[in-house]
Amino acid sequence: MAASSELQLDQLPSDPLLHVLSYLSFRDLVHCSYVSKRLSDLSKHNPLWKRHCCKHWLLTDAERLQRGLSWYGLFKLYFADLGRYIRYYAELKNAWEQLKSFLQQRCPRMIVSLKVKLKSLLASNC
């Protein structure tokens, strides 16, 4: 009887596998990391997580370099702190940036007032 020549998914070359992984959600990437050591290594590939960091946390290369973390590490850091808000975070951050820009142009004293109030709220919650 001839030996089976079936090709297993994790036996594919890295480039096609990374291409397939690039279509997955962050949750699916995490699930893939449990399948095998090879998929675990590939699922932590930096460019895969850059897309998710930019999409969900609106992070830039400058912010990543400032933290000194990989995109995967940065995603984990933000998810640990803000994961429960992941569906809304990007929209809220965009709205805040627009409001801040508007206030800086039209009402700069109000932005200072908001920052003072925010600092006192954060201090009282710690």
PDB file of N, CA and C in Angstrom:
ATOM      1  N   MET A   1       0.849  -1.168   0.000  1.00  0.00           N
ATOM      2  CA  MET A   1       0.000   0.000   0.000  1.00  0.00           C
ATOM      3  C   MET A   1       0.900   1.237   0.000  1.00  0.00           C
ATOM      4  N   ALA A   2       0.548   2.234  -0.791  1.00  0.00           N
ATOM      5  CA  ALA A   2       1.350   3.456  -0.905  1.00  0.00           C
ATOM      6  C   ALA A   2       1.158   4.327   0.334  1.00  0.00           C
ATOM      7  N   ALA A   3       2.214   5.025   0.678  1.00  0.00           N
ATOM      8  CA  ALA A   3       2.157   5.935   1.831  1.00  0.00           C
ATOM      9  C   ALA A   3       1.253   7.115   1.503  1.00  0.00           C
ATOM     10  N   SER A   4       0.531   7.571   2.489  1.00  0.00           N
ATOM     11  CA  SER A   4      -0.367   8.708   2.305  1.00  0.00           C
ATOM     12  C   SER A   4       0.441   9.979   2.077  1.00  0.00           C
ATOM     13  N   SER A   5       0.024  10.752   1.096  1.00  0.00           N
ATOM     14  CA  SER A   5       0.743  11.998   0.802  1.00  0.00           C
ATOM     15  C   SER A   5      -0.111  13.217   1.155  1.00  0.00           C
ATOM     16  N   GLU A   6      -0.987  13.051   2.131  1.00  0.00           N
ATOM     17  CA  GLU A   6      -1.815  14.174   2.558  1.00  0.00           C
ATOM     18  C   GLU A   6      -0.943  15.256   3.178  1.00  0.00           C
ATOM     19  N   LEU A   7      -1.285  16.465   2.880  1.00  0.00           N
ATOM     20  CA  LEU A   7      -0.548  17.598   3.434  1.00  0.00           C
ATOM     21  C   LEU A   7      -1.356  18.182   4.587  1.00  0.00           C
ATOM     22  N   GLN A   8      -0.757  18.260   5.733  1.00  0.00           N
ATOM     23  CA  GLN A   8      -1.405  18.847   6.901  1.00  0.00           C
ATOM     24  C   GLN A   8      -1.295  20.370   6.825  1.00  0.00           C
ATOM     25  N   LEU A   9      -2.248  21.059   7.401  1.00  0.00           N
ATOM     26  CA  LEU A   9      -2.252  22.522   7.366  1.00  0.00           C
ATOM     27  C   LEU A   9      -0.963  23.109   7.920  1.00  0.00           C
ATOM     28  N   ASP A  10      -0.521  22.621   9.048  1.00  0.00           N
ATOM     29  CA  ASP A  10       0.676  23.219   9.639  1.00  0.00           C
ATOM     30  C   ASP A  10       1.977  22.742   8.987  1.00  0.00           C
ATOM     31  N   GLN A  11       1.864  21.928   7.923  1.00  0.00           N
ATOM     32  CA  GLN A  11       3.034  21.539   7.146  1.00  0.00           C
ATOM     33  C   GLN A  11       3.241  22.455   5.937  1.00  0.00           C
ATOM     34  N   LEU A  12       2.303  23.342   5.698  1.00  0.00           N
ATOM     35  CA  LEU A  12       2.450  24.293   4.593  1.00  0.00           C
ATOM     36  C   LEU A  12       3.621  25.225   4.874  1.00  0.00           C
ATOM     37  N   PRO A  13       4.213  25.783   3.827  1.00  0.00           N
ATOM     38  CA  PRO A  13       5.267  26.782   4.048  1.00  0.00           C
ATOM     39  C   PRO A  13       4.724  27.989   4.822  1.00  0.00           C
ATOM     40  N   SER A  14       5.606  28.705   5.458  1.00  0.00           N
ATOM     41  CA  SER A  14       5.200  29.822   6.327  1.00  0.00           C
ATOM     42  C   SER A  14       4.454  30.927   5.584  1.00  0.00           C
ATOM     43  N   ASP A  15       4.929  31.315   4.408  1.00  0.00           N
ATOM     44  CA  ASP A  15       4.297  32.440   3.701  1.00  0.00           C
ATOM     45  C   ASP A  15       2.816  32.215   3.403  1.00  0.00           C
ATOM     46  N   PRO A  16       2.425  31.060   2.825  1.00  0.00           N
ATOM     47  CA  PRO A  16       0.979  30.860   2.613  1.00  0.00           C
ATOM     48  C   PRO A  16       0.191  30.805   3.922  1.00  0.00           C
ATOM     49  N   LEU A  17       0.777  30.204   4.949  1.00  0.00           N
ATOM     50  CA  LEU A  17       0.085  30.157   6.241  1.00  0.00           C
ATOM     51  C   LEU A  17      -0.107  31.553   6.820  1.00  0.00           C
ATOM     52  N   LEU A  18       0.926  32.379   6.736  1.00  0.00           N
ATOM     53  CA  LEU A  18       0.803  33.757   7.231  1.00  0.00           C
ATOM     54  C   LEU A  18      -0.244  34.523   6.443  1.00  0.00           C
ATOM     55  N   HIS A  19      -0.327  34.249   5.150  1.00  0.00           N
ATOM     56  CA  HIS A  19      -1.350  34.911   4.332  1.00  0.00           C
ATOM     57  C   HIS A  19      -2.748  34.511   4.814  1.00  0.00           C
ATOM     58  N   VAL A  20      -2.945  33.234   5.074  1.00  0.00           N
ATOM     59  CA  VAL A  20      -4.235  32.764   5.596  1.00  0.00           C
ATOM     60  C   VAL A  20      -4.512  33.394   6.958  1.00  0.00           C
ATOM     61  N   LEU A  21      -3.518  33.401   7.826  1.00  0.00           N
ATOM     62  CA  LEU A  21      -3.693  33.972   9.168  1.00  0.00           C
ATOM     63  C   LEU A  21      -4.014  35.462   9.125  1.00  0.00           C
ATOM     64  N   SER A  22      -3.581  36.146   8.079  1.00  0.00           N
ATOM     65  CA  SER A  22      -3.823  37.593   7.989  1.00  0.00           C
ATOM     66  C   SER A  22      -5.305  37.929   7.839  1.00  0.00           C
ATOM     67  N   TYR A  23      -6.129  36.951   7.490  1.00  0.00           N
ATOM     68  CA  TYR A  23      -7.567  37.184   7.345  1.00  0.00           C
ATOM     69  C   TYR A  23      -8.341  36.922   8.633  1.00  0.00           C
ATOM     70  N   LEU A  24      -7.671  36.444   9.648  1.00  0.00           N
ATOM     71  CA  LEU A  24      -8.360  36.058  10.880  1.00  0.00           C
ATOM     72  C   LEU A  24      -8.535  37.227  11.841  1.00  0.00           C
ATOM     73  N   SER A  25      -9.583  37.127  12.639  1.00  0.00           N
ATOM     74  CA  SER A  25      -9.792  38.097  13.717  1.00  0.00           C
ATOM     75  C   SER A  25      -8.756  37.844  14.807  1.00  0.00           C
ATOM     76  N   PHE A  26      -8.628  38.784  15.720  1.00  0.00           N
ATOM     77  CA  PHE A  26      -7.658  38.588  16.801  1.00  0.00           C
ATOM     78  C   PHE A  26      -8.028  37.369  17.645  1.00  0.00           C
ATOM     79  N   ARG A  27      -9.309  37.123  17.833  1.00  0.00           N
ATOM     80  CA  ARG A  27      -9.732  35.959  18.622  1.00  0.00           C
ATOM     81  C   ARG A  27      -9.352  34.653  17.921  1.00  0.00           C
ATOM     82  N   ASP A  28      -9.553  34.620  16.601  1.00  0.00           N
ATOM     83  CA  ASP A  28      -9.196  33.419  15.849  1.00  0.00           C
ATOM     84  C   ASP A  28      -7.685  33.194  15.837  1.00  0.00           C
ATOM     85  N   LEU A  29      -6.912  34.277  15.789  1.00  0.00           N
ATOM     86  CA  LEU A  29      -5.454  34.133  15.867  1.00  0.00           C
ATOM     87  C   LEU A  29      -5.047  33.500  17.197  1.00  0.00           C
ATOM     88  N   VAL A  30      -5.672  33.938  18.256  1.00  0.00           N
ATOM     89  CA  VAL A  30      -5.381  33.367  19.576  1.00  0.00           C
ATOM     90  C   VAL A  30      -5.744  31.883  19.588  1.00  0.00           C
ATOM     91  N   HIS A  31      -6.898  31.544  19.029  1.00  0.00           N
ATOM     92  CA  HIS A  31      -7.300  30.136  18.988  1.00  0.00           C
ATOM     93  C   HIS A  31      -6.321  29.299  18.165  1.00  0.00           C
ATOM     94  N   CYS A  32      -5.819  29.841  17.075  1.00  0.00           N
ATOM     95  CA  CYS A  32      -4.824  29.120  16.262  1.00  0.00           C
ATOM     96  C   CYS A  32      -3.556  28.841  17.053  1.00  0.00           C
ATOM     97  N   SER A  33      -3.239  29.717  17.963  1.00  0.00           N
ATOM     98  CA  SER A  33      -2.001  29.529  18.729  1.00  0.00           C
ATOM     99  C   SER A  33      -2.063  28.289  19.622  1.00  0.00           C
ATOM    100  N   TYR A  34      -3.262  27.749  19.859  1.00  0.00           N
ATOM    101  CA  TYR A  34      -3.419  26.558  20.689  1.00  0.00           C
ATOM    102  C   TYR A  34      -3.311  25.259  19.895  1.00  0.00           C
ATOM    103  N   VAL A  35      -3.322  25.348  18.567  1.00  0.00           N
ATOM    104  CA  VAL A  35      -3.361  24.153  17.723  1.00  0.00           C
ATOM    105  C   VAL A  35      -2.034  23.403  17.726  1.00  0.00           C
ATOM    106  N   SER A  36      -0.954  24.121  17.525  1.00  0.00           N
ATOM    107  CA  SER A  36       0.364  23.478  17.482  1.00  0.00           C
ATOM    108  C   SER A  36       1.431  24.518  17.801  1.00  0.00           C
ATOM    109  N   LYS A  37       2.615  24.042  18.079  1.00  0.00           N
ATOM    110  CA  LYS A  37       3.740  24.946  18.359  1.00  0.00           C
ATOM    111  C   LYS A  37       4.017  25.833  17.149  1.00  0.00           C
ATOM    112  N   ARG A  38       3.984  25.255  15.966  1.00  0.00           N
ATOM    113  CA  ARG A  38       4.274  26.030  14.752  1.00  0.00           C
ATOM    114  C   ARG A  38       3.228  27.117  14.533  1.00  0.00           C
ATOM    115  N   LEU A  39       1.949  26.764  14.654  1.00  0.00           N
ATOM    116  CA  LEU A  39       0.905  27.778  14.493  1.00  0.00           C
ATOM    117  C   LEU A  39       0.963  28.805  15.618  1.00  0.00           C
ATOM    118  N   SER A  40       1.366  28.388  16.781  1.00  0.00           N
ATOM    119  CA  SER A  40       1.536  29.335  17.882  1.00  0.00           C
ATOM    120  C   SER A  40       2.605  30.364  17.528  1.00  0.00           C
ATOM    121  N   ASP A  41       3.723  29.889  17.010  1.00  0.00           N
ATOM    122  CA  ASP A  41       4.801  30.806  16.609  1.00  0.00           C
ATOM    123  C   ASP A  41       4.352  31.730  15.484  1.00  0.00           C
ATOM    124  N   LEU A  42       3.693  31.163  14.473  1.00  0.00           N
ATOM    125  CA  LEU A  42       3.248  31.977  13.334  1.00  0.00           C
ATOM    126  C   LEU A  42       2.159  32.972  13.736  1.00  0.00           C
ATOM    127  N   SER A  43       1.302  32.582  14.662  1.00  0.00           N
ATOM    128  CA  SER A  43       0.201  33.473  15.060  1.00  0.00           C
ATOM    129  C   SER A  43       0.694  34.689  15.837  1.00  0.00           C
ATOM    130  N   LYS A  44       1.942  34.672  16.272  1.00  0.00           N
ATOM    131  CA  LYS A  44       2.517  35.827  16.973  1.00  0.00           C
ATOM    132  C   LYS A  44       3.333  36.717  16.037  1.00  0.00           C
ATOM    133  N   HIS A  45       3.258  36.445  14.734  1.00  0.00           N
ATOM    134  CA  HIS A  45       4.004  37.212  13.725  1.00  0.00           C
ATOM    135  C   HIS A  45       3.601  38.690  13.804  1.00  0.00           C
ATOM    136  N   ASN A  46       4.575  39.552  13.967  1.00  0.00           N
ATOM    137  CA  ASN A  46       4.341  40.976  14.233  1.00  0.00           C
ATOM    138  C   ASN A  46       3.375  41.661  13.258  1.00  0.00           C
ATOM    139  N   PRO A  47       3.537  41.509  11.933  1.00  0.00           N
ATOM    140  CA  PRO A  47       2.615  42.199  11.018  1.00  0.00           C
ATOM    141  C   PRO A  47       1.148  41.806  11.199  1.00  0.00           C
ATOM    142  N   LEU A  48       0.879  40.591  11.644  1.00  0.00           N
ATOM    143  CA  LEU A  48      -0.510  40.193  11.893  1.00  0.00           C
ATOM    144  C   LEU A  48      -1.120  41.048  12.996  1.00  0.00           C
ATOM    145  N   TRP A  49      -0.340  41.320  14.021  1.00  0.00           N
ATOM    146  CA  TRP A  49      -0.844  42.064  15.172  1.00  0.00           C
ATOM    147  C   TRP A  49      -0.803  43.565  14.953  1.00  0.00           C
ATOM    148  N   LYS A  50       0.028  44.021  14.039  1.00  0.00           N
ATOM    149  CA  LYS A  50       0.037  45.452  13.705  1.00  0.00           C
ATOM    150  C   LYS A  50      -1.338  45.855  13.177  1.00  0.00           C
ATOM    151  N   ARG A  51      -1.885  45.025  12.292  1.00  0.00           N
ATOM    152  CA  ARG A  51      -3.210  45.312  11.728  1.00  0.00           C
ATOM    153  C   ARG A  51      -4.258  45.417  12.834  1.00  0.00           C
ATOM    154  N   HIS A  52      -4.217  44.507  13.789  1.00  0.00           N
ATOM    155  CA  HIS A  52      -5.208  44.528  14.873  1.00  0.00           C
ATOM    156  C   HIS A  52      -4.974  45.700  15.830  1.00  0.00           C
ATOM    157  N   CYS A  53      -3.721  46.044  16.083  1.00  0.00           N
ATOM    158  CA  CYS A  53      -3.422  47.207  16.935  1.00  0.00           C
ATOM    159  C   CYS A  53      -3.917  48.495  16.288  1.00  0.00           C
ATOM    160  N   CYS A  54      -3.707  48.613  14.991  1.00  0.00           N
ATOM    161  CA  CYS A  54      -4.152  49.818  14.279  1.00  0.00           C
ATOM    162  C   CYS A  54      -5.674  49.873  14.203  1.00  0.00           C
ATOM    163  N   LYS A  55      -6.298  48.729  13.962  1.00  0.00           N
ATOM    164  CA  LYS A  55      -7.755  48.673  13.820  1.00  0.00           C
ATOM    165  C   LYS A  55      -8.481  48.904  15.148  1.00  0.00           C
ATOM    166  N   HIS A  56      -8.072  48.198  16.179  1.00  0.00           N
ATOM    167  CA  HIS A  56      -8.821  48.228  17.444  1.00  0.00           C
ATOM    168  C   HIS A  56      -8.352  49.299  18.421  1.00  0.00           C
ATOM    169  N   TRP A  57      -7.043  49.581  18.447  1.00  0.00           N
ATOM    170  CA  TRP A  57      -6.505  50.520  19.437  1.00  0.00           C
ATOM    171  C   TRP A  57      -5.997  51.807  18.804  1.00  0.00           C
ATOM    172  N   LEU A  58      -6.047  51.901  17.467  1.00  0.00           N
ATOM    173  CA  LEU A  58      -5.595  53.086  16.715  1.00  0.00           C
ATOM    174  C   LEU A  58      -4.151  53.452  17.060  1.00  0.00           C
ATOM    175  N   LEU A  59      -3.319  52.450  17.236  1.00  0.00           N
ATOM    176  CA  LEU A  59      -1.923  52.679  17.598  1.00  0.00           C
ATOM    177  C   LEU A  59      -1.069  52.913  16.359  1.00  0.00           C
ATOM    178  N   THR A  60       0.010  53.647  16.541  1.00  0.00           N
ATOM    179  CA  THR A  60       0.926  53.965  15.450  1.00  0.00           C
ATOM    180  C   THR A  60       2.291  53.335  15.722  1.00  0.00           C
ATOM    181  N   ASP A  61       3.135  53.351  14.691  1.00  0.00           N
ATOM    182  CA  ASP A  61       4.505  52.851  14.860  1.00  0.00           C
ATOM    183  C   ASP A  61       5.232  53.626  15.956  1.00  0.00           C
ATOM    184  N   ALA A  62       5.000  54.940  16.008  1.00  0.00           N
ATOM    185  CA  ALA A  62       5.669  55.772  17.018  1.00  0.00           C
ATOM    186  C   ALA A  62       5.286  55.329  18.430  1.00  0.00           C
ATOM    187  N   GLU A  63       4.007  55.033  18.642  1.00  0.00           N
ATOM    188  CA  GLU A  63       3.563  54.585  19.971  1.00  0.00           C
ATOM    189  C   GLU A  63       4.166  53.220  20.321  1.00  0.00           C
ATOM    190  N   ARG A  64       4.284  52.356  19.324  1.00  0.00           N
ATOM    191  CA  ARG A  64       4.891  51.043  19.569  1.00  0.00           C
ATOM    192  C   ARG A  64       6.364  51.194  19.932  1.00  0.00           C
ATOM    193  N   LEU A  65       7.068  52.030  19.181  1.00  0.00           N
ATOM    194  CA  LEU A  65       8.488  52.239  19.458  1.00  0.00           C
ATOM    195  C   LEU A  65       8.700  52.873  20.829  1.00  0.00           C
ATOM    196  N   GLN A  66       7.804  53.784  21.197  1.00  0.00           N
ATOM    197  CA  GLN A  66       7.896  54.442  22.504  1.00  0.00           C
ATOM    198  C   GLN A  66       7.767  53.414  23.633  1.00  0.00           C
ATOM    199  N   ARG A  67       6.901  52.442  23.457  1.00  0.00           N
ATOM    200  CA  ARG A  67       6.702  51.403  24.480  1.00  0.00           C
ATOM    201  C   ARG A  67       7.790  50.328  24.433  1.00  0.00           C
ATOM    202  N   GLY A  68       8.431  50.187  23.269  1.00  0.00           N
ATOM    203  CA  GLY A  68       9.474  49.170  23.124  1.00  0.00           C
ATOM    204  C   GLY A  68       8.944  47.748  23.110  1.00  0.00           C
ATOM    205  N   LEU A  69       7.728  47.569  22.607  1.00  0.00           N
ATOM    206  CA  LEU A  69       7.106  46.246  22.568  1.00  0.00           C
ATOM    207  C   LEU A  69       6.860  45.815  21.127  1.00  0.00           C
ATOM    208  N   SER A  70       6.661  44.530  20.940  1.00  0.00           N
ATOM    209  CA  SER A  70       6.221  44.033  19.636  1.00  0.00           C
ATOM    210  C   SER A  70       4.743  44.405  19.477  1.00  0.00           C
ATOM    211  N   TRP A  71       4.238  44.298  18.249  1.00  0.00           N
ATOM    212  CA  TRP A  71       2.813  44.564  18.042  1.00  0.00           C
ATOM    213  C   TRP A  71       1.972  43.568  18.843  1.00  0.00           C
ATOM    214  N   TYR A  72       2.420  42.330  18.882  1.00  0.00           N
ATOM    215  CA  TYR A  72       1.719  41.309  19.661  1.00  0.00           C
ATOM    216  C   TYR A  72       1.712  41.678  21.148  1.00  0.00           C
ATOM    217  N   GLY A  73       2.858  42.077  21.666  1.00  0.00           N
ATOM    218  CA  GLY A  73       2.951  42.478  23.067  1.00  0.00           C
ATOM    219  C   GLY A  73       2.101  43.701  23.371  1.00  0.00           C
ATOM    220  N   LEU A  74       2.082  44.640  22.434  1.00  0.00           N
ATOM    221  CA  LEU A  74       1.287  45.853  22.613  1.00  0.00           C
ATOM    222  C   LEU A  74      -0.201  45.535  22.606  1.00  0.00           C
ATOM    223  N   PHE A  75      -0.625  44.649  21.691  1.00  0.00           N
ATOM    224  CA  PHE A  75      -2.031  44.256  21.659  1.00  0.00           C
ATOM    225  C   PHE A  75      -2.422  43.617  22.987  1.00  0.00           C
ATOM    226  N   LYS A  76      -1.588  42.707  23.483  1.00  0.00           N
ATOM    227  CA  LYS A  76      -1.877  42.046  24.760  1.00  0.00           C
ATOM    228  C   LYS A  76      -1.961  43.051  25.900  1.00  0.00           C
ATOM    229  N   LEU A  77      -1.064  44.031  25.910  1.00  0.00           N
ATOM    230  CA  LEU A  77      -1.059  45.052  26.956  1.00  0.00           C
ATOM    231  C   LEU A  77      -2.367  45.845  26.953  1.00  0.00           C
ATOM    232  N   TYR A  78      -2.768  46.316  25.773  1.00  0.00           N
ATOM    233  CA  TYR A  78      -4.006  47.089  25.676  1.00  0.00           C
ATOM    234  C   TYR A  78      -5.224  46.216  25.970  1.00  0.00           C
ATOM    235  N   PHE A  79      -5.206  44.976  25.479  1.00  0.00           N
ATOM    236  CA  PHE A  79      -6.354  44.101  25.701  1.00  0.00           C
ATOM    237  C   PHE A  79      -6.517  43.780  27.182  1.00  0.00           C
ATOM    238  N   ALA A  80      -5.422  43.588  27.881  1.00  0.00           N
ATOM    239  CA  ALA A  80      -5.501  43.300  29.319  1.00  0.00           C
ATOM    240  C   ALA A  80      -6.157  44.452  30.069  1.00  0.00           C
ATOM    241  N   ASP A  81      -5.902  45.676  29.623  1.00  0.00           N
ATOM    242  CA  ASP A  81      -6.446  46.854  30.301  1.00  0.00           C
ATOM    243  C   ASP A  81      -7.821  47.248  29.770  1.00  0.00           C
ATOM    244  N   LEU A  82      -7.999  47.205  28.451  1.00  0.00           N
ATOM    245  CA  LEU A  82      -9.201  47.760  27.828  1.00  0.00           C
ATOM    246  C   LEU A  82      -9.990  46.762  26.990  1.00  0.00           C
ATOM    247  N   GLY A  83      -9.695  45.492  27.130  1.00  0.00           N
ATOM    248  CA  GLY A  83     -10.317  44.473  26.290  1.00  0.00           C
ATOM    249  C   GLY A  83     -11.832  44.475  26.298  1.00  0.00           C
ATOM    250  N   ARG A  84     -12.412  44.786  27.436  1.00  0.00           N
ATOM    251  CA  ARG A  84     -13.879  44.770  27.498  1.00  0.00           C
ATOM    252  C   ARG A  84     -14.511  45.875  26.652  1.00  0.00           C
ATOM    253  N   TYR A  85     -13.704  46.866  26.233  1.00  0.00           N
ATOM    254  CA  TYR A  85     -14.217  47.966  25.416  1.00  0.00           C
ATOM    255  C   TYR A  85     -13.797  47.850  23.953  1.00  0.00           C
ATOM    256  N   ILE A  86     -13.247  46.721  23.545  1.00  0.00           N
ATOM    257  CA  ILE A  86     -12.627  46.626  22.226  1.00  0.00           C
ATOM    258  C   ILE A  86     -13.594  46.963  21.088  1.00  0.00           C
ATOM    259  N   ARG A  87     -14.861  46.673  21.247  1.00  0.00           N
ATOM    260  CA  ARG A  87     -15.838  46.975  20.185  1.00  0.00           C
ATOM    261  C   ARG A  87     -16.034  48.475  19.999  1.00  0.00           C
ATOM    262  N   TYR A  88     -15.812  49.249  21.037  1.00  0.00           N
ATOM    263  CA  TYR A  88     -16.134  50.673  21.003  1.00  0.00           C
ATOM    264  C   TYR A  88     -14.918  51.582  21.081  1.00  0.00           C
ATOM    265  N   TYR A  89     -13.775  51.039  21.448  1.00  0.00           N
ATOM    266  CA  TYR A  89     -12.607  51.854  21.749  1.00  0.00           C
ATOM    267  C   TYR A  89     -12.202  52.761  20.592  1.00  0.00           C
ATOM    268  N   ALA A  90     -12.085  52.224  19.388  1.00  0.00           N
ATOM    269  CA  ALA A  90     -11.624  53.020  18.243  1.00  0.00           C
ATOM    270  C   ALA A  90     -12.579  54.179  17.969  1.00  0.00           C
ATOM    271  N   GLU A  91     -13.871  53.903  18.022  1.00  0.00           N
ATOM    272  CA  GLU A  91     -14.861  54.956  17.780  1.00  0.00           C
ATOM    273  C   GLU A  91     -14.804  56.030  18.868  1.00  0.00           C
ATOM    274  N   LEU A  92     -14.691  55.620  20.121  1.00  0.00           N
ATOM    275  CA  LEU A  92     -14.604  56.582  21.220  1.00  0.00           C
ATOM    276  C   LEU A  92     -13.319  57.401  21.155  1.00  0.00           C
ATOM    277  N   LYS A  93     -12.211  56.749  20.827  1.00  0.00           N
ATOM    278  CA  LYS A  93     -10.943  57.469  20.740  1.00  0.00           C
ATOM    279  C   LYS A  93     -10.987  58.493  19.607  1.00  0.00           C
ATOM    280  N   ASN A  94     -11.566  58.118  18.465  1.00  0.00           N
ATOM    281  CA  ASN A  94     -11.710  59.070  17.355  1.00  0.00           C
ATOM    282  C   ASN A  94     -12.580  60.252  17.759  1.00  0.00           C
ATOM    283  N   ALA A  95     -13.696  59.975  18.430  1.00  0.00           N
ATOM    284  CA  ALA A  95     -14.586  61.055  18.866  1.00  0.00           C
ATOM    285  C   ALA A  95     -13.868  61.978  19.848  1.00  0.00           C
ATOM    286  N   TRP A  96     -13.106  61.403  20.785  1.00  0.00           N
ATOM    287  CA  TRP A  96     -12.369  62.215  21.749  1.00  0.00           C
ATOM    288  C   TRP A  96     -11.343  63.089  21.049  1.00  0.00           C
ATOM    289  N   GLU A  97     -10.607  62.537  20.078  1.00  0.00           N
ATOM    290  CA  GLU A  97      -9.596  63.315  19.351  1.00  0.00           C
ATOM    291  C   GLU A  97     -10.237  64.465  18.582  1.00  0.00           C
ATOM    292  N   GLN A  98     -11.408  64.226  17.988  1.00  0.00           N
ATOM    293  CA  GLN A  98     -12.117  65.295  17.279  1.00  0.00           C
ATOM    294  C   GLN A  98     -12.582  66.372  18.251  1.00  0.00           C
ATOM    295  N   LEU A  99     -13.124  65.961  19.393  1.00  0.00           N
ATOM    296  CA  LEU A  99     -13.570  66.922  20.400  1.00  0.00           C
ATOM    297  C   LEU A  99     -12.393  67.728  20.928  1.00  0.00           C
ATOM    298  N   LYS A 100     -11.297  67.059  21.211  1.00  0.00           N
ATOM    299  CA  LYS A 100     -10.108  67.735  21.722  1.00  0.00           C
ATOM    300  C   LYS A 100      -9.581  68.751  20.708  1.00  0.00           C
ATOM    301  N   SER A 101      -9.547  68.375  19.446  1.00  0.00           N
ATOM    302  CA  SER A 101      -9.085  69.282  18.392  1.00  0.00           C
ATOM    303  C   SER A 101      -9.998  70.508  18.298  1.00  0.00           C
ATOM    304  N   PHE A 102     -11.304  70.269  18.349  1.00  0.00           N
ATOM    305  CA  PHE A 102     -12.271  71.370  18.282  1.00  0.00           C
ATOM    306  C   PHE A 102     -12.090  72.311  19.475  1.00  0.00           C
ATOM    307  N   LEU A 103     -11.982  71.738  20.671  1.00  0.00           N
ATOM    308  CA  LEU A 103     -11.846  72.567  21.868  1.00  0.00           C
ATOM    309  C   LEU A 103     -10.528  73.337  21.888  1.00  0.00           C
ATOM    310  N   GLN A 104      -9.455  72.727  21.416  1.00  0.00           N
ATOM    311  CA  GLN A 104      -8.168  73.422  21.384  1.00  0.00           C
ATOM    312  C   GLN A 104      -8.220  74.626  20.453  1.00  0.00           C
ATOM    313  N   GLN A 105      -8.983  74.516  19.387  1.00  0.00           N
ATOM    314  CA  GLN A 105      -9.104  75.631  18.444  1.00  0.00           C
ATOM    315  C   GLN A 105     -10.075  76.689  18.945  1.00  0.00           C
ATOM    316  N   ARG A 106     -11.194  76.266  19.512  1.00  0.00           N
ATOM    317  CA  ARG A 106     -12.259  77.197  19.837  1.00  0.00           C
ATOM    318  C   ARG A 106     -12.319  77.589  21.320  1.00  0.00           C
ATOM    319  N   CYS A 107     -11.990  76.675  22.202  1.00  0.00           N
ATOM    320  CA  CYS A 107     -12.129  76.913  23.649  1.00  0.00           C
ATOM    321  C   CYS A 107     -10.947  76.303  24.402  1.00  0.00           C
ATOM    322  N   PRO A 108      -9.757  76.839  24.251  1.00  0.00           N
ATOM    323  CA  PRO A 108      -8.585  76.220  24.885  1.00  0.00           C
ATOM    324  C   PRO A 108      -8.676  76.147  26.409  1.00  0.00           C
ATOM    325  N   ARG A 109      -9.347  77.096  27.031  1.00  0.00           N
ATOM    326  CA  ARG A 109      -9.467  77.048  28.497  1.00  0.00           C
ATOM    327  C   ARG A 109     -10.340  75.881  28.944  1.00  0.00           C
ATOM    328  N   MET A 110     -11.325  75.527  28.129  1.00  0.00           N
ATOM    329  CA  MET A 110     -12.200  74.415  28.482  1.00  0.00           C
ATOM    330  C   MET A 110     -11.420  73.093  28.481  1.00  0.00           C
ATOM    331  N   ILE A 111     -10.507  72.934  27.544  1.00  0.00           N
ATOM    332  CA  ILE A 111      -9.719  71.696  27.495  1.00  0.00           C
ATOM    333  C   ILE A 111      -8.850  71.577  28.744  1.00  0.00           C
ATOM    334  N   VAL A 112      -8.303  72.685  29.223  1.00  0.00           N
ATOM    335  CA  VAL A 112      -7.512  72.678  30.459  1.00  0.00           C
ATOM    336  C   VAL A 112      -8.403  72.288  31.633  1.00  0.00           C
ATOM    337  N   SER A 113      -9.610  72.832  31.665  1.00  0.00           N
ATOM    338  CA  SER A 113     -10.555  72.519  32.729  1.00  0.00           C
ATOM    339  C   SER A 113     -10.912  71.029  32.731  1.00  0.00           C
ATOM    340  N   LEU A 114     -11.124  70.464  31.547  1.00  0.00           N
ATOM    341  CA  LEU A 114     -11.443  69.040  31.445  1.00  0.00           C
ATOM    342  C   LEU A 114     -10.281  68.178  31.931  1.00  0.00           C
ATOM    343  N   LYS A 115      -9.056  68.579  31.586  1.00  0.00           N
ATOM    344  CA  LYS A 115      -7.886  67.809  32.014  1.00  0.00           C
ATOM    345  C   LYS A 115      -7.750  67.821  33.531  1.00  0.00           C
ATOM    346  N   VAL A 116      -7.997  68.975  34.164  1.00  0.00           N
ATOM    347  CA  VAL A 116      -7.908  69.080  35.623  1.00  0.00           C
ATOM    348  C   VAL A 116      -8.960  68.182  36.268  1.00  0.00           C
ATOM    349  N   LYS A 117     -10.183  68.237  35.763  1.00  0.00           N
ATOM    350  CA  LYS A 117     -11.268  67.415  36.304  1.00  0.00           C
ATOM    351  C   LYS A 117     -10.959  65.933  36.121  1.00  0.00           C
ATOM    352  N   LEU A 118     -10.439  65.566  34.957  1.00  0.00           N
ATOM    353  CA  LEU A 118     -10.105  64.174  34.686  1.00  0.00           C
ATOM    354  C   LEU A 118      -9.020  63.674  35.633  1.00  0.00           C
ATOM    355  N   LYS A 119      -8.004  64.495  35.868  1.00  0.00           N
ATOM    356  CA  LYS A 119      -6.932  64.096  36.789  1.00  0.00           C
ATOM    357  C   LYS A 119      -7.473  63.864  38.193  1.00  0.00           C
ATOM    358  N   SER A 120      -8.388  64.723  38.639  1.00  0.00           N
ATOM    359  CA  SER A 120      -8.940  64.546  39.984  1.00  0.00           C
ATOM    360  C   SER A 120      -9.819  63.294  40.053  1.00  0.00           C
ATOM    361  N   LEU A 121     -10.552  62.999  38.984  1.00  0.00           N
ATOM    362  CA  LEU A 121     -11.361  61.777  38.955  1.00  0.00           C
ATOM    363  C   LEU A 121     -10.476  60.535  38.993  1.00  0.00           C
ATOM    364  N   LEU A 122      -9.415  60.559  38.209  1.00  0.00           N
ATOM    365  CA  LEU A 122      -8.502  59.417  38.183  1.00  0.00           C
ATOM    366  C   LEU A 122      -7.816  59.231  39.531  1.00  0.00           C
ATOM    367  N   ALA A 123      -7.449  60.318  40.170  1.00  0.00           N
ATOM    368  CA  ALA A 123      -6.783  60.238  41.474  1.00  0.00           C
ATOM    369  C   ALA A 123      -7.725  59.664  42.532  1.00  0.00           C
ATOM    370  N   SER A 124      -8.998  60.022  42.465  1.00  0.00           N
ATOM    371  CA  SER A 124      -9.950  59.530  43.462  1.00  0.00           C
ATOM    372  C   SER A 124     -10.313  58.063  43.239  1.00  0.00           C
ATOM    373  N   ASN A 125     -10.157  57.564  42.006  1.00  0.00           N
ATOM    374  CA  ASN A 125     -10.474  56.164  41.714  1.00  0.00           C
ATOM    375  C   ASN A 125      -9.327  55.219  42.021  1.00  0.00           C
ATOM    376  N   CYS A 126      -8.132  55.721  42.247  1.00  0.00           N
ATOM    377  CA  CYS A 126      -6.967  54.848  42.493  1.00  0.00           C
ATOM    378  C   CYS A 126      -6.860  54.401  43.907  1.00  0.00           C
TER     379      CYS A 126
END
